[in-house]
Amino acid sequence: MLAKLFDVKETKDKGKGLFAKEFIPKGTIVCFECKKCKSLTAAELGFDKMSEAEKMKLLDWAYRKKDGTFVAPCDETKYINHSCNANVLGTEFGFDIAVRDIKKGEEATYDYRDFYDDVKMPCMCGEPNCCKVVTFMHPVPEELKEFWDKKVNSALKLVNKVKQPLNEALRENGIVLPIVEYQ
């Protein structure tokens, strides 16, 4: 479920994307997998028999979780594009969080590098740390994991200090905000 903080708009070179309707402070929970999202196994999708092109097409409407299942979001979450320096990342608590302030009009981005195995796509993010080719890896390299963890842990320190537009929906879906102080 995506917070009502974004509009879907055409990007210059990546198709559709999510753009902030308003300023979104670091620590804001922007989306989570709710009960309406569809979960599918690799076997149900025939993933192991798909070509690389078919796997890339699957990225248009689903992502793969660490347990190997695929999730088809029930809303516009599917329009979040990749960046090697993403402003939204996933947490161990079942939600995705803004890991830095997102300005009004700015595109929301996520790092795709842990979505699938054995798939590569050109990266067009233009970030100084751009990988040039997004290579999907399970598990992700330790250096990348540490990069993400640092950003996520910094944002989690603020999760109880900023307005959370998804608070009620999180509770309804059994997701509890962490109250642990992160170092």
Protein backbone atom coordinates (compact mmCIF):
# COMPACT_ATOMS: atom_id res chain seq x y z
CA MET A 1 0.00 0.00 0.00
CA LEU A 2 1.43 3.32 -1.09
CA ALA A 3 0.99 6.47 0.97
CA LYS A 4 -1.04 9.11 -0.86
CA LEU A 5 2.08 11.25 -1.13
CA PHE A 6 2.84 10.61 -4.81
CA ASP A 7 1.55 11.20 -8.32
CA VAL A 8 2.33 8.89 -11.23
CA LYS A 9 3.92 10.87 -14.05
CA GLU A 10 5.93 10.19 -17.17
CA THR A 11 9.69 10.45 -16.69
CA LYS A 12 12.11 11.74 -19.26
CA ASP A 13 13.60 8.32 -20.07
CA LYS A 14 12.21 5.56 -17.81
CA GLY A 15 8.49 5.42 -18.53
CA LYS A 16 6.26 6.22 -15.57
CA GLY A 17 7.54 7.13 -12.12
CA LEU A 18 6.33 8.24 -8.69
CA PHE A 19 6.75 11.93 -7.87
CA ALA A 20 6.25 13.55 -4.48
CA LYS A 21 3.12 15.72 -4.19
CA GLU A 22 4.62 17.39 -1.14
CA PHE A 23 7.78 17.44 0.93
CA ILE A 24 8.34 13.98 2.46
CA PRO A 25 10.70 13.98 5.44
CA LYS A 26 13.31 11.30 6.03
CA GLY A 27 11.79 8.60 8.25
CA THR A 28 8.37 8.64 6.56
CA ILE A 29 6.98 5.19 5.79
CA VAL A 30 5.97 5.43 2.14
CA CYS A 31 4.68 1.92 1.39
CA PHE A 32 4.29 -1.64 2.61
CA GLU A 33 2.99 -4.98 1.41
CA CYS A 34 -0.64 -5.02 2.49
CA LYS A 35 -3.24 -7.79 2.49
CA LYS A 36 -4.51 -6.63 -0.92
CA CYS A 37 -1.14 -7.19 -2.62
CA LYS A 38 -0.93 -10.47 -4.50
CA SER A 39 1.83 -12.92 -3.53
CA LEU A 40 2.98 -15.60 -6.00
CA THR A 41 5.63 -18.30 -5.86
CA ALA A 42 8.31 -18.67 -8.53
CA ALA A 43 6.69 -21.99 -9.48
CA GLU A 44 3.27 -20.35 -9.95
CA LEU A 45 4.87 -17.82 -12.30
CA GLY A 46 7.14 -20.33 -14.06
CA PHE A 47 10.01 -17.99 -13.19
CA ASP A 48 12.79 -20.56 -13.67
CA LYS A 49 11.65 -21.12 -17.28
CA MET A 50 11.35 -17.43 -18.15
CA SER A 51 13.80 -15.77 -20.51
CA GLU A 52 15.75 -12.78 -19.27
CA ALA A 53 13.41 -10.54 -21.30
CA GLU A 54 10.37 -12.11 -19.62
CA LYS A 55 11.96 -11.63 -16.19
CA MET A 56 12.57 -7.97 -17.03
CA LYS A 57 8.93 -7.58 -18.10
CA LEU A 58 7.90 -9.07 -14.75
CA LEU A 59 9.67 -6.10 -13.11
CA ASP A 60 6.93 -3.88 -14.59
CA TRP A 61 4.41 -5.27 -12.11
CA ALA A 62 6.12 -7.38 -9.42
CA TYR A 63 9.20 -7.70 -7.26
CA ARG A 64 10.87 -10.66 -5.55
CA LYS A 65 11.21 -10.89 -1.79
CA LYS A 66 14.11 -12.48 0.07
CA ASP A 67 12.03 -15.63 0.67
CA GLY A 68 11.72 -16.10 -3.11
CA THR A 69 8.05 -15.16 -3.44
CA PHE A 70 6.92 -12.45 -5.81
CA VAL A 71 4.65 -9.58 -4.84
CA ALA A 72 2.38 -7.76 -7.25
CA PRO A 73 1.54 -4.46 -5.51
CA CYS A 74 -2.14 -3.53 -5.35
CA ASP A 75 -1.45 0.09 -6.29
CA GLU A 76 1.00 2.49 -7.97
CA THR A 77 3.99 1.22 -5.98
CA LYS A 78 4.98 -0.63 -9.15
CA TYR A 79 6.00 2.70 -10.70
CA ILE A 80 8.92 3.32 -8.35
CA ASN A 81 12.06 3.38 -10.50
CA HIS A 82 15.59 2.24 -9.71
CA SER A 83 18.43 4.41 -8.45
CA CYS A 84 21.82 3.34 -7.08
CA ASN A 85 21.36 6.12 -4.50
CA ALA A 86 17.68 5.51 -3.79
CA ASN A 87 15.64 7.79 -1.54
CA VAL A 88 13.37 4.88 -0.44
CA LEU A 89 14.59 1.53 0.89
CA GLY A 90 13.06 -1.52 2.52
CA THR A 91 13.30 -2.38 6.21
CA GLU A 92 13.22 -5.59 8.21
CA PHE A 93 9.87 -4.42 9.64
CA GLY A 94 7.83 -4.97 6.48
CA PHE A 95 7.69 -1.39 5.22
CA ASP A 96 9.71 0.89 2.95
CA ILE A 97 10.95 4.17 4.32
CA ALA A 98 12.22 7.50 2.97
CA VAL A 99 15.96 7.34 3.74
CA ARG A 100 16.44 11.02 3.00
CA ASP A 101 14.15 14.00 2.57
CA ILE A 102 12.24 13.89 -0.71
CA LYS A 103 11.43 17.31 -2.15
CA LYS A 104 8.06 18.19 -3.67
CA GLY A 105 8.19 17.16 -7.33
CA GLU A 106 11.16 14.83 -6.83
CA GLU A 107 10.95 11.26 -8.09
CA ALA A 108 10.83 8.48 -5.50
CA THR A 109 13.40 5.77 -6.24
CA TYR A 110 14.34 2.35 -4.89
CA ASP A 111 17.46 0.22 -5.33
CA TYR A 112 16.45 -2.85 -7.37
CA ARG A 113 19.67 -4.82 -6.91
CA ASP A 114 18.15 -7.47 -4.64
CA PHE A 115 14.94 -8.16 -6.58
CA TYR A 116 15.88 -11.16 -8.76
CA ASP A 117 18.70 -13.56 -9.51
CA ASP A 118 20.65 -13.70 -12.77
CA VAL A 119 19.05 -10.68 -14.44
CA LYS A 120 20.85 -7.55 -15.62
CA MET A 121 19.53 -4.23 -16.89
CA PRO A 122 21.24 -0.99 -17.89
CA CYS A 123 21.20 1.63 -15.15
CA MET A 124 20.21 5.16 -16.11
CA CYS A 125 20.12 6.74 -12.66
CA GLY A 126 23.08 9.06 -13.26
CA GLU A 127 24.14 8.98 -9.61
CA PRO A 128 27.87 9.36 -8.79
CA ASN A 129 27.83 5.79 -7.42
CA CYS A 130 25.93 4.42 -10.46
CA CYS A 131 26.62 0.73 -11.09
CA LYS A 132 26.02 1.23 -14.87
CA VAL A 133 24.42 -2.25 -15.07
CA VAL A 134 21.94 -3.29 -12.39
CA THR A 135 22.87 -6.86 -11.50
CA PHE A 136 20.33 -8.58 -9.28
CA MET A 137 22.06 -10.56 -6.54
CA HIS A 138 20.97 -12.75 -3.63
CA PRO A 139 22.47 -12.19 -1.23
CA VAL A 140 23.67 -8.68 -2.04
CA PRO A 141 27.37 -7.96 -1.52
CA GLU A 142 28.26 -7.01 2.05
CA GLU A 143 29.45 -3.53 1.02
CA LEU A 144 26.08 -2.75 -0.60
CA LYS A 145 24.18 -4.19 2.36
CA GLU A 146 26.18 -1.96 4.73
CA PHE A 147 25.46 1.08 2.50
CA TRP A 148 21.70 0.35 2.64
CA ASP A 149 21.74 -0.50 6.38
CA LYS A 150 23.42 2.81 7.24
CA LYS A 151 20.75 4.76 5.34
CA VAL A 152 17.83 2.69 6.69
CA ASN A 153 19.03 2.80 10.32
CA SER A 154 19.46 6.57 10.10
CA ALA A 155 15.88 6.91 8.82
CA LEU A 156 14.47 4.50 11.42
CA LYS A 157 15.72 6.84 14.16
CA LEU A 158 13.11 9.30 12.89
CA VAL A 159 10.18 6.91 12.28
CA ASN A 160 8.43 7.89 15.53
CA LYS A 161 9.29 11.58 15.16
CA VAL A 162 7.71 12.35 11.78
CA LYS A 163 4.07 12.22 10.72
CA GLN A 164 3.23 8.76 9.38
CA PRO A 165 0.44 8.91 6.80
CA LEU A 166 0.17 5.09 6.79
CA ASN A 167 -0.07 4.62 10.60
CA GLU A 168 -3.65 3.35 10.63
CA ALA A 169 -3.18 1.11 7.58
CA LEU A 170 -0.01 -0.36 9.10
CA ARG A 171 -1.87 -1.26 12.30
CA GLU A 172 -4.76 -2.77 10.30
CA ASN A 173 -2.24 -4.99 8.52
CA GLY A 174 -0.49 -6.06 11.73
CA ILE A 175 2.68 -4.02 11.24
CA VAL A 176 3.98 -2.34 14.39
CA LEU A 177 6.34 0.62 14.22
CA PRO A 178 9.70 -0.12 15.82
CA ILE A 179 10.28 1.61 19.14
CA VAL A 180 13.90 0.56 19.44
CA GLU A 181 16.44 3.36 19.39
CA TYR A 182 18.84 2.72 16.52
CA GLN A 183 22.50 3.54 16.89
